[in-house]
Amino acid sequence: MKAKRKGRKCEMAVKLDMSKAYDCVEWTFVEAIMRKFGFAEKWIIMIMECIRTVQYSILLDGVPKGYIIPSRGLRQGDPLSPYLFLLCAEGLSALLKKSSSVGQLKGLQTSRLGPWVSHLFFADDSLLFGKASLAESREFMEILKLYEDSSEHRQEENPLVEMG
């Protein structure tokens, strides 16, 4: 963990690159997230049908040879995928919010009267903020492990980065 001191505060930022996460998302996790958000059962069935009915074929000399049927992952380029990925990211957001609400993660404050920010998500990148302490580092790692186990997202071994 690297951190820069400014006064007495020592803060950290954790950058997560989730660009490969489309390939690893478990379909059961997508379905569970939709249920958690209260999607209608008919809607869930239609979306899951779109996800599960994918087949790929390999072209050899311009001729299709057999089929590959995936068992997880979201198709890049599919118009539904970005929305489904955002739903999955809400799972991570909920874990971070819960940890912040019970005081295990502090986040950071950009100004004296500004709001506390524990995380920011944009496209397939995530930034997590907290105090540069062993306790908060462990909490981040526990949250990421729980999220990884439930969704099958994989993070780099050492996602901690310097913040000035």
N, C-alpha and C. Protein backbone atom coordinates (compact mmCIF):
# COMPACT_ATOMS: atom_id res chain seq x y z
N MET A 1 0.84 -1.17 0.00
CA MET A 1 0.00 0.00 0.00
C MET A 1 0.89 1.23 0.00
N LYS A 2 0.60 2.14 -0.90
CA LYS A 2 1.34 3.39 -0.94
C LYS A 2 0.37 4.52 -0.61
N ALA A 3 0.86 5.51 0.09
CA ALA A 3 0.03 6.66 0.43
C ALA A 3 0.91 7.87 0.59
N LYS A 4 0.34 9.03 0.39
CA LYS A 4 1.07 10.27 0.63
C LYS A 4 0.44 10.96 1.82
N ARG A 5 1.26 11.52 2.64
CA ARG A 5 0.76 12.25 3.80
C ARG A 5 0.56 13.71 3.44
N LYS A 6 -0.53 14.26 3.89
CA LYS A 6 -0.79 15.68 3.78
C LYS A 6 -1.38 16.07 5.12
N GLY A 7 -0.63 16.77 5.92
CA GLY A 7 -1.07 17.03 7.28
C GLY A 7 -1.08 15.73 8.05
N ARG A 8 -2.15 15.52 8.80
CA ARG A 8 -2.25 14.29 9.59
C ARG A 8 -3.08 13.21 8.90
N LYS A 9 -3.70 13.56 7.79
CA LYS A 9 -4.54 12.60 7.09
C LYS A 9 -3.71 11.73 6.16
N CYS A 10 -4.05 10.49 6.10
CA CYS A 10 -3.41 9.56 5.18
C CYS A 10 -4.53 8.77 4.51
N GLU A 11 -4.68 8.95 3.20
CA GLU A 11 -5.78 8.35 2.48
C GLU A 11 -5.27 7.47 1.34
N MET A 12 -6.15 6.60 0.86
CA MET A 12 -5.76 5.73 -0.24
C MET A 12 -6.88 5.66 -1.27
N ALA A 13 -6.49 5.30 -2.47
CA ALA A 13 -7.44 5.03 -3.55
C ALA A 13 -7.09 3.66 -4.12
N VAL A 14 -8.12 2.88 -4.39
CA VAL A 14 -7.95 1.57 -4.99
C VAL A 14 -8.64 1.61 -6.35
N LYS A 15 -7.88 1.38 -7.41
CA LYS A 15 -8.45 1.39 -8.77
C LYS A 15 -8.64 -0.05 -9.23
N LEU A 16 -9.85 -0.36 -9.64
CA LEU A 16 -10.16 -1.69 -10.13
C LEU A 16 -10.49 -1.60 -11.62
N ASP A 17 -9.84 -2.39 -12.42
CA ASP A 17 -10.14 -2.46 -13.84
C ASP A 17 -10.97 -3.70 -14.07
N MET A 18 -12.22 -3.51 -14.41
CA MET A 18 -13.13 -4.63 -14.56
C MET A 18 -13.44 -4.92 -16.03
N SER A 19 -12.51 -4.54 -16.91
CA SER A 19 -12.76 -4.68 -18.35
C SER A 19 -12.95 -6.13 -18.78
N LYS A 20 -12.31 -7.06 -18.13
CA LYS A 20 -12.44 -8.47 -18.49
C LYS A 20 -13.62 -9.13 -17.76
N ALA A 21 -14.29 -8.36 -16.91
CA ALA A 21 -15.35 -8.94 -16.09
C ALA A 21 -16.54 -9.43 -16.91
N TYR A 22 -16.77 -8.85 -18.07
CA TYR A 22 -17.87 -9.32 -18.92
C TYR A 22 -17.76 -10.82 -19.16
N ASP A 23 -16.55 -11.30 -19.35
CA ASP A 23 -16.33 -12.70 -19.69
C ASP A 23 -16.57 -13.65 -18.53
N CYS A 24 -16.55 -13.14 -17.30
CA CYS A 24 -16.55 -14.01 -16.13
C CYS A 24 -17.82 -13.96 -15.29
N VAL A 25 -18.73 -13.07 -15.59
CA VAL A 25 -19.92 -12.92 -14.76
C VAL A 25 -20.75 -14.20 -14.79
N GLU A 26 -21.07 -14.70 -13.62
CA GLU A 26 -21.93 -15.88 -13.52
C GLU A 26 -23.37 -15.48 -13.83
N TRP A 27 -24.05 -16.25 -14.64
CA TRP A 27 -25.42 -15.93 -15.00
C TRP A 27 -26.35 -15.98 -13.79
N THR A 28 -26.07 -16.87 -12.86
CA THR A 28 -26.90 -16.94 -11.65
C THR A 28 -26.80 -15.65 -10.84
N PHE A 29 -25.62 -15.01 -10.88
CA PHE A 29 -25.44 -13.74 -10.17
C PHE A 29 -26.28 -12.64 -10.83
N VAL A 30 -26.28 -12.59 -12.15
CA VAL A 30 -27.09 -11.60 -12.88
C VAL A 30 -28.56 -11.79 -12.53
N GLU A 31 -28.99 -13.04 -12.53
CA GLU A 31 -30.38 -13.35 -12.20
C GLU A 31 -30.72 -12.96 -10.77
N ALA A 32 -29.83 -13.25 -9.83
CA ALA A 32 -30.05 -12.90 -8.42
C ALA A 32 -30.12 -11.39 -8.22
N ILE A 33 -29.25 -10.66 -8.91
CA ILE A 33 -29.26 -9.19 -8.80
C ILE A 33 -30.58 -8.63 -9.31
N MET A 34 -31.06 -9.16 -10.45
CA MET A 34 -32.34 -8.67 -10.98
C MET A 34 -33.48 -8.95 -10.00
N ARG A 35 -33.45 -10.11 -9.36
CA ARG A 35 -34.47 -10.44 -8.36
C ARG A 35 -34.37 -9.47 -7.17
N LYS A 36 -33.15 -9.21 -6.73
CA LYS A 36 -32.92 -8.31 -5.60
C LYS A 36 -33.45 -6.90 -5.89
N PHE A 37 -33.34 -6.46 -7.14
CA PHE A 37 -33.83 -5.14 -7.53
C PHE A 37 -35.33 -5.14 -7.79
N GLY A 38 -35.96 -6.30 -7.72
CA GLY A 38 -37.41 -6.36 -7.87
C GLY A 38 -37.90 -6.39 -9.31
N PHE A 39 -37.06 -6.87 -10.22
CA PHE A 39 -37.50 -7.01 -11.61
C PHE A 39 -38.65 -8.02 -11.66
N ALA A 40 -39.60 -7.80 -12.54
CA ALA A 40 -40.71 -8.73 -12.73
C ALA A 40 -40.17 -10.07 -13.25
N GLU A 41 -40.78 -11.15 -12.80
CA GLU A 41 -40.32 -12.49 -13.18
C GLU A 41 -40.32 -12.69 -14.69
N LYS A 42 -41.34 -12.17 -15.36
CA LYS A 42 -41.42 -12.29 -16.82
C LYS A 42 -40.22 -11.60 -17.48
N TRP A 43 -39.85 -10.44 -16.96
CA TRP A 43 -38.71 -9.67 -17.48
C TRP A 43 -37.41 -10.44 -17.26
N ILE A 44 -37.25 -11.01 -16.07
CA ILE A 44 -36.04 -11.79 -15.75
C ILE A 44 -35.92 -12.98 -16.70
N ILE A 45 -37.02 -13.67 -16.92
CA ILE A 45 -37.01 -14.84 -17.82
C ILE A 45 -36.59 -14.43 -19.23
N MET A 46 -37.13 -13.30 -19.73
CA MET A 46 -36.79 -12.85 -21.09
C MET A 46 -35.31 -12.48 -21.19
N ILE A 47 -34.80 -11.74 -20.21
CA ILE A 47 -33.39 -11.33 -20.25
C ILE A 47 -32.47 -12.54 -20.13
N MET A 48 -32.79 -13.46 -19.22
CA MET A 48 -31.95 -14.64 -19.05
C MET A 48 -31.99 -15.51 -20.31
N GLU A 49 -33.11 -15.54 -21.00
CA GLU A 49 -33.19 -16.28 -22.26
C GLU A 49 -32.25 -15.66 -23.30
N CYS A 50 -32.19 -14.33 -23.34
CA CYS A 50 -31.26 -13.65 -24.26
C CYS A 50 -29.81 -13.99 -23.92
N ILE A 51 -29.51 -14.09 -22.63
CA ILE A 51 -28.14 -14.36 -22.19
C ILE A 51 -27.76 -15.82 -22.46
N ARG A 52 -28.68 -16.74 -22.16
CA ARG A 52 -28.36 -18.17 -22.20
C ARG A 52 -28.42 -18.81 -23.59
N THR A 53 -29.02 -18.15 -24.56
CA THR A 53 -29.20 -18.80 -25.87
C THR A 53 -28.10 -18.44 -26.86
N VAL A 54 -26.94 -18.11 -26.36
CA VAL A 54 -25.81 -17.73 -27.22
C VAL A 54 -25.09 -18.98 -27.70
N GLN A 55 -24.68 -18.96 -28.96
CA GLN A 55 -23.84 -20.01 -29.52
C GLN A 55 -22.78 -19.35 -30.39
N TYR A 56 -21.57 -19.87 -30.30
CA TYR A 56 -20.48 -19.38 -31.14
C TYR A 56 -20.04 -20.52 -32.05
N SER A 57 -19.59 -20.15 -33.23
CA SER A 57 -19.08 -21.14 -34.17
C SER A 57 -17.71 -20.67 -34.65
N ILE A 58 -16.81 -21.60 -34.86
CA ILE A 58 -15.48 -21.28 -35.36
C ILE A 58 -15.46 -21.46 -36.87
N LEU A 59 -14.92 -20.46 -37.55
CA LEU A 59 -14.80 -20.54 -39.00
C LEU A 59 -13.41 -21.06 -39.37
N LEU A 60 -13.36 -22.15 -40.10
CA LEU A 60 -12.12 -22.69 -40.64
C LEU A 60 -12.23 -22.64 -42.16
N ASP A 61 -11.36 -21.86 -42.77
CA ASP A 61 -11.41 -21.66 -44.22
C ASP A 61 -12.79 -21.16 -44.66
N GLY A 62 -13.39 -20.30 -43.83
CA GLY A 62 -14.67 -19.71 -44.17
C GLY A 62 -15.87 -20.59 -43.93
N VAL A 63 -15.66 -21.78 -43.36
CA VAL A 63 -16.76 -22.72 -43.13
C VAL A 63 -16.94 -22.90 -41.62
N PRO A 64 -18.19 -22.73 -41.10
CA PRO A 64 -18.43 -22.93 -39.66
C PRO A 64 -18.19 -24.38 -39.27
N LYS A 65 -17.48 -24.58 -38.16
CA LYS A 65 -17.18 -25.94 -37.66
C LYS A 65 -17.66 -26.05 -36.22
N GLY A 66 -18.77 -26.70 -36.00
CA GLY A 66 -19.28 -26.96 -34.67
C GLY A 66 -19.75 -25.70 -33.94
N TYR A 67 -20.17 -25.91 -32.70
CA TYR A 67 -20.66 -24.82 -31.87
C TYR A 67 -20.00 -24.84 -30.50
N ILE A 68 -19.84 -23.65 -29.97
CA ILE A 68 -19.39 -23.49 -28.59
C ILE A 68 -20.53 -22.81 -27.85
N ILE A 69 -20.98 -23.42 -26.78
CA ILE A 69 -22.08 -22.86 -26.00
C ILE A 69 -21.51 -22.43 -24.64
N PRO A 70 -21.43 -21.12 -24.38
CA PRO A 70 -20.86 -20.64 -23.12
C PRO A 70 -21.79 -20.94 -21.94
N SER A 71 -21.21 -20.98 -20.74
CA SER A 71 -22.00 -21.23 -19.54
C SER A 71 -21.99 -20.03 -18.59
N ARG A 72 -21.25 -18.99 -18.95
CA ARG A 72 -21.25 -17.76 -18.15
C ARG A 72 -20.69 -16.63 -19.01
N GLY A 73 -20.76 -15.43 -18.47
CA GLY A 73 -20.22 -14.27 -19.17
C GLY A 73 -21.30 -13.50 -19.92
N LEU A 74 -21.02 -12.23 -20.16
CA LEU A 74 -21.90 -11.37 -20.94
C LEU A 74 -21.19 -11.04 -22.25
N ARG A 75 -21.94 -11.05 -23.33
CA ARG A 75 -21.35 -10.79 -24.65
C ARG A 75 -20.97 -9.33 -24.82
N GLN A 76 -19.71 -9.08 -25.16
CA GLN A 76 -19.32 -7.72 -25.50
C GLN A 76 -19.94 -7.38 -26.84
N GLY A 77 -20.45 -6.18 -26.94
CA GLY A 77 -21.11 -5.76 -28.16
C GLY A 77 -22.61 -5.97 -28.13
N ASP A 78 -23.10 -6.78 -27.20
CA ASP A 78 -24.54 -6.97 -27.04
C ASP A 78 -25.12 -5.71 -26.40
N PRO A 79 -26.20 -5.15 -26.95
CA PRO A 79 -26.76 -3.93 -26.39
C PRO A 79 -27.22 -4.06 -24.93
N LEU A 80 -27.54 -5.27 -24.49
CA LEU A 80 -27.96 -5.49 -23.10
C LEU A 80 -26.78 -5.52 -22.12
N SER A 81 -25.61 -5.92 -22.58
CA SER A 81 -24.48 -6.17 -21.69
C SER A 81 -24.09 -4.99 -20.79
N PRO A 82 -23.98 -3.76 -21.30
CA PRO A 82 -23.60 -2.66 -20.40
C PRO A 82 -24.59 -2.47 -19.25
N TYR A 83 -25.88 -2.64 -19.54
CA TYR A 83 -26.90 -2.48 -18.49
C TYR A 83 -26.82 -3.60 -17.47
N LEU A 84 -26.61 -4.81 -17.95
CA LEU A 84 -26.49 -5.95 -17.03
C LEU A 84 -25.23 -5.83 -16.19
N PHE A 85 -24.16 -5.33 -16.81
CA PHE A 85 -22.92 -5.14 -16.07
C PHE A 85 -23.10 -4.09 -14.98
N LEU A 86 -23.85 -3.02 -15.28
CA LEU A 86 -24.13 -2.00 -14.27
C LEU A 86 -24.92 -2.58 -13.10
N LEU A 87 -25.86 -3.46 -13.39
CA LEU A 87 -26.59 -4.13 -12.32
C LEU A 87 -25.64 -4.93 -11.44
N CYS A 88 -24.70 -5.62 -12.06
CA CYS A 88 -23.71 -6.40 -11.29
C CYS A 88 -22.84 -5.48 -10.44
N ALA A 89 -22.45 -4.33 -10.99
CA ALA A 89 -21.64 -3.37 -10.24
C ALA A 89 -22.40 -2.84 -9.03
N GLU A 90 -23.72 -2.79 -9.12
CA GLU A 90 -24.53 -2.37 -7.98
C GLU A 90 -24.37 -3.33 -6.80
N GLY A 91 -24.07 -4.59 -7.09
CA GLY A 91 -23.79 -5.55 -6.02
C GLY A 91 -22.58 -5.13 -5.21
N LEU A 92 -21.51 -4.73 -5.91
CA LEU A 92 -20.31 -4.23 -5.23
C LEU A 92 -20.61 -2.94 -4.50
N SER A 93 -21.37 -2.06 -5.13
CA SER A 93 -21.72 -0.78 -4.51
C SER A 93 -22.48 -1.01 -3.20
N ALA A 94 -23.40 -1.96 -3.20
CA ALA A 94 -24.18 -2.25 -1.99
C ALA A 94 -23.28 -2.74 -0.86
N LEU A 95 -22.30 -3.58 -1.18
CA LEU A 95 -21.36 -4.06 -0.15
C LEU A 95 -20.55 -2.91 0.43
N LEU A 96 -20.09 -2.00 -0.44
CA LEU A 96 -19.31 -0.85 0.02
C LEU A 96 -20.15 0.10 0.86
N LYS A 97 -21.40 0.34 0.45
CA LYS A 97 -22.29 1.22 1.21
C LYS A 97 -22.59 0.63 2.58
N LYS A 98 -22.82 -0.66 2.63
CA LYS A 98 -23.11 -1.32 3.91
C LYS A 98 -21.92 -1.18 4.85
N SER A 99 -20.73 -1.41 4.35
CA SER A 99 -19.53 -1.30 5.17
C SER A 99 -19.31 0.13 5.63
N SER A 100 -19.62 1.11 4.78
CA SER A 100 -19.49 2.52 5.16
C SER A 100 -20.52 2.89 6.22
N SER A 101 -21.73 2.37 6.09
CA SER A 101 -22.80 2.73 7.02
C SER A 101 -22.54 2.22 8.44
N VAL A 102 -21.79 1.13 8.57
CA VAL A 102 -21.47 0.62 9.90
C VAL A 102 -20.10 1.10 10.38
N GLY A 103 -19.47 1.98 9.60
CA GLY A 103 -18.23 2.61 10.02
C GLY A 103 -16.96 1.83 9.76
N GLN A 104 -17.04 0.74 9.00
CA GLN A 104 -15.83 -0.03 8.72
C GLN A 104 -15.00 0.60 7.61
N LEU A 105 -15.65 1.34 6.72
CA LEU A 105 -14.95 2.12 5.69
C LEU A 105 -15.32 3.58 5.88
N LYS A 106 -14.33 4.42 5.85
CA LYS A 106 -14.56 5.85 6.07
C LYS A 106 -14.80 6.59 4.76
N GLY A 107 -14.08 6.26 3.71
CA GLY A 107 -14.14 7.03 2.48
C GLY A 107 -13.29 8.28 2.63
N LEU A 108 -13.54 9.26 1.78
CA LEU A 108 -12.83 10.53 1.94
C LEU A 108 -13.79 11.66 1.66
N GLN A 109 -13.40 12.81 2.16
CA GLN A 109 -14.21 14.01 2.02
C GLN A 109 -13.40 15.01 1.20
N THR A 110 -13.96 15.51 0.11
CA THR A 110 -13.21 16.40 -0.77
C THR A 110 -13.11 17.82 -0.23
N SER A 111 -13.99 18.19 0.67
CA SER A 111 -13.91 19.49 1.33
C SER A 111 -14.51 19.35 2.73
N ARG A 112 -14.29 20.34 3.56
CA ARG A 112 -14.72 20.25 4.95
C ARG A 112 -16.22 19.99 5.08
N LEU A 113 -17.03 20.61 4.23
CA LEU A 113 -18.47 20.43 4.30
C LEU A 113 -19.01 19.50 3.21
N GLY A 114 -18.12 18.94 2.42
CA GLY A 114 -18.53 18.06 1.32
C GLY A 114 -18.96 16.69 1.81
N PRO A 115 -19.61 15.94 0.93
CA PRO A 115 -20.05 14.59 1.30
C PRO A 115 -18.87 13.62 1.36
N TRP A 116 -19.05 12.54 2.11
CA TRP A 116 -18.06 11.48 2.16
C TRP A 116 -18.26 10.60 0.93
N VAL A 117 -17.16 10.24 0.28
CA VAL A 117 -17.21 9.41 -0.93
C VAL A 117 -16.39 8.16 -0.67
N SER A 118 -17.03 7.00 -0.79
CA SER A 118 -16.30 5.74 -0.58
C SER A 118 -15.95 5.06 -1.90
N HIS A 119 -16.69 5.39 -2.97
CA HIS A 119 -16.40 4.76 -4.26
C HIS A 119 -17.03 5.55 -5.40
N LEU A 120 -16.42 5.41 -6.57
CA LEU A 120 -16.93 5.97 -7.82
C LEU A 120 -16.81 4.90 -8.90
N PHE A 121 -17.84 4.75 -9.70
CA PHE A 121 -17.82 3.80 -10.81
C PHE A 121 -17.99 4.56 -12.11
N PHE A 122 -17.23 4.17 -13.13
CA PHE A 122 -17.40 4.72 -14.47
C PHE A 122 -17.06 3.63 -15.47
N ALA A 123 -18.03 3.30 -16.31
CA ALA A 123 -17.86 2.24 -17.30
C ALA A 123 -17.33 0.98 -16.62
N ASP A 124 -16.14 0.51 -17.00
CA ASP A 124 -15.61 -0.71 -16.38
C ASP A 124 -14.48 -0.41 -15.41
N ASP A 125 -14.39 0.82 -14.93
CA ASP A 125 -13.39 1.20 -13.93
C ASP A 125 -14.08 1.56 -12.63
N SER A 126 -13.45 1.24 -11.53
CA SER A 126 -13.97 1.58 -10.21
C SER A 126 -12.85 2.18 -9.38
N LEU A 127 -13.19 3.20 -8.61
CA LEU A 127 -12.26 3.80 -7.66
C LEU A 127 -12.86 3.67 -6.28
N LEU A 128 -12.10 3.11 -5.35
CA LEU A 128 -12.52 2.98 -3.97
C LEU A 128 -11.63 3.89 -3.13
N PHE A 129 -12.21 4.60 -2.16
CA PHE A 129 -11.46 5.55 -1.34
C PHE A 129 -11.60 5.19 0.13
N GLY A 130 -10.52 5.43 0.88
CA GLY A 130 -10.57 5.18 2.31
C GLY A 130 -9.34 5.70 3.02
N LYS A 131 -9.34 5.53 4.33
CA LYS A 131 -8.16 5.86 5.12
C LYS A 131 -7.08 4.83 4.81
N ALA A 132 -5.84 5.29 4.76
CA ALA A 132 -4.73 4.38 4.49
C ALA A 132 -4.36 3.69 5.80
N SER A 133 -5.17 2.70 6.15
CA SER A 133 -4.92 1.95 7.38
C SER A 133 -5.03 0.47 7.07
N LEU A 134 -4.43 -0.32 7.91
CA LEU A 134 -4.48 -1.76 7.74
C LEU A 134 -5.93 -2.26 7.83
N ALA A 135 -6.69 -1.68 8.76
CA ALA A 135 -8.08 -2.11 8.96
C ALA A 135 -8.92 -1.86 7.69
N GLU A 136 -8.79 -0.67 7.10
CA GLU A 136 -9.58 -0.38 5.90
C GLU A 136 -9.08 -1.17 4.70
N SER A 137 -7.78 -1.40 4.61
CA SER A 137 -7.24 -2.23 3.53
C SER A 137 -7.80 -3.64 3.61
N ARG A 138 -7.85 -4.18 4.81
CA ARG A 138 -8.41 -5.53 5.00
C ARG A 138 -9.89 -5.56 4.65
N GLU A 139 -10.61 -4.50 5.05
CA GLU A 139 -12.04 -4.42 4.75
C GLU A 139 -12.27 -4.39 3.24
N PHE A 140 -11.48 -3.59 2.52
CA PHE A 140 -11.58 -3.57 1.06
C PHE A 140 -11.34 -4.97 0.49
N MET A 141 -10.31 -5.64 0.96
CA MET A 141 -9.98 -6.96 0.44
C MET A 141 -11.09 -7.98 0.75
N GLU A 142 -11.69 -7.88 1.95
CA GLU A 142 -12.80 -8.78 2.30
C GLU A 142 -14.01 -8.54 1.40
N ILE A 143 -14.32 -7.26 1.16
CA ILE A 143 -15.44 -6.92 0.29
C ILE A 143 -15.19 -7.43 -1.13
N LEU A 144 -13.98 -7.19 -1.64
CA LEU A 144 -13.65 -7.64 -2.99
C LEU A 144 -13.69 -9.16 -3.10
N LYS A 145 -13.25 -9.85 -2.07
CA LYS A 145 -13.28 -11.32 -2.07
C LYS A 145 -14.72 -11.82 -2.07
N LEU A 146 -15.57 -11.20 -1.24
CA LEU A 146 -16.98 -11.58 -1.20
C LEU A 146 -17.64 -11.34 -2.56
N TYR A 147 -17.36 -10.20 -3.15
CA TYR A 147 -17.92 -9.86 -4.46
C TYR A 147 -17.40 -10.82 -5.54
N GLU A 148 -16.12 -11.11 -5.49
CA GLU A 148 -15.53 -12.05 -6.45
C GLU A 148 -16.15 -13.43 -6.32
N ASP A 149 -16.31 -13.90 -5.08
CA ASP A 149 -16.89 -15.22 -4.86
C ASP A 149 -18.33 -15.32 -5.36
N SER A 150 -19.09 -14.23 -5.21
CA SER A 150 -20.49 -14.28 -5.61
C SER A 150 -20.70 -14.03 -7.09
N SER A 151 -19.82 -13.24 -7.72
CA SER A 151 -20.03 -12.89 -9.12
C SER A 151 -19.00 -13.50 -10.06
N GLU A 152 -17.90 -14.02 -9.51
CA GLU A 152 -16.78 -14.57 -10.27
C GLU A 152 -15.96 -13.50 -10.96
N HIS A 153 -16.06 -12.23 -10.51
CA HIS A 153 -15.15 -11.20 -11.01
C HIS A 153 -13.78 -11.43 -10.41
N ARG A 154 -12.76 -11.25 -11.20
CA ARG A 154 -11.39 -11.41 -10.74
C ARG A 154 -10.69 -10.06 -10.77
N GLN A 155 -10.00 -9.73 -9.70
CA GLN A 155 -9.25 -8.47 -9.62
C GLN A 155 -7.77 -8.79 -9.67
N GLU A 156 -6.96 -7.78 -9.97
CA GLU A 156 -5.52 -7.95 -9.94
C GLU A 156 -5.10 -8.25 -8.51
N GLU A 157 -3.96 -8.92 -8.35
CA GLU A 157 -3.47 -9.27 -7.02
C GLU A 157 -3.27 -8.07 -6.11
N ASN A 158 -2.70 -6.97 -6.63
CA ASN A 158 -2.40 -5.81 -5.79
C ASN A 158 -3.02 -4.56 -6.41
N PRO A 159 -4.31 -4.29 -6.11
CA PRO A 159 -4.96 -3.15 -6.75
C PRO A 159 -4.72 -1.82 -6.04
N LEU A 160 -3.95 -1.79 -4.96
CA LEU A 160 -3.75 -0.55 -4.22
C LEU A 160 -2.81 0.38 -4.97
N VAL A 161 -3.19 1.64 -5.06
CA VAL A 161 -2.39 2.61 -5.79
C VAL A 161 -2.16 3.86 -4.95
N GLU A 162 -1.17 4.63 -5.38
CA GLU A 162 -0.81 5.85 -4.67
C GLU A 162 -1.81 6.96 -4.94
N MET A 163 -2.09 7.73 -3.92
CA MET A 163 -2.98 8.87 -4.06
C MET A 163 -2.36 10.06 -3.37
N GLY A 164 -2.30 11.19 -4.03
CA GLY A 164 -1.65 12.35 -3.45
C GLY A 164 -2.60 13.42 -3.01
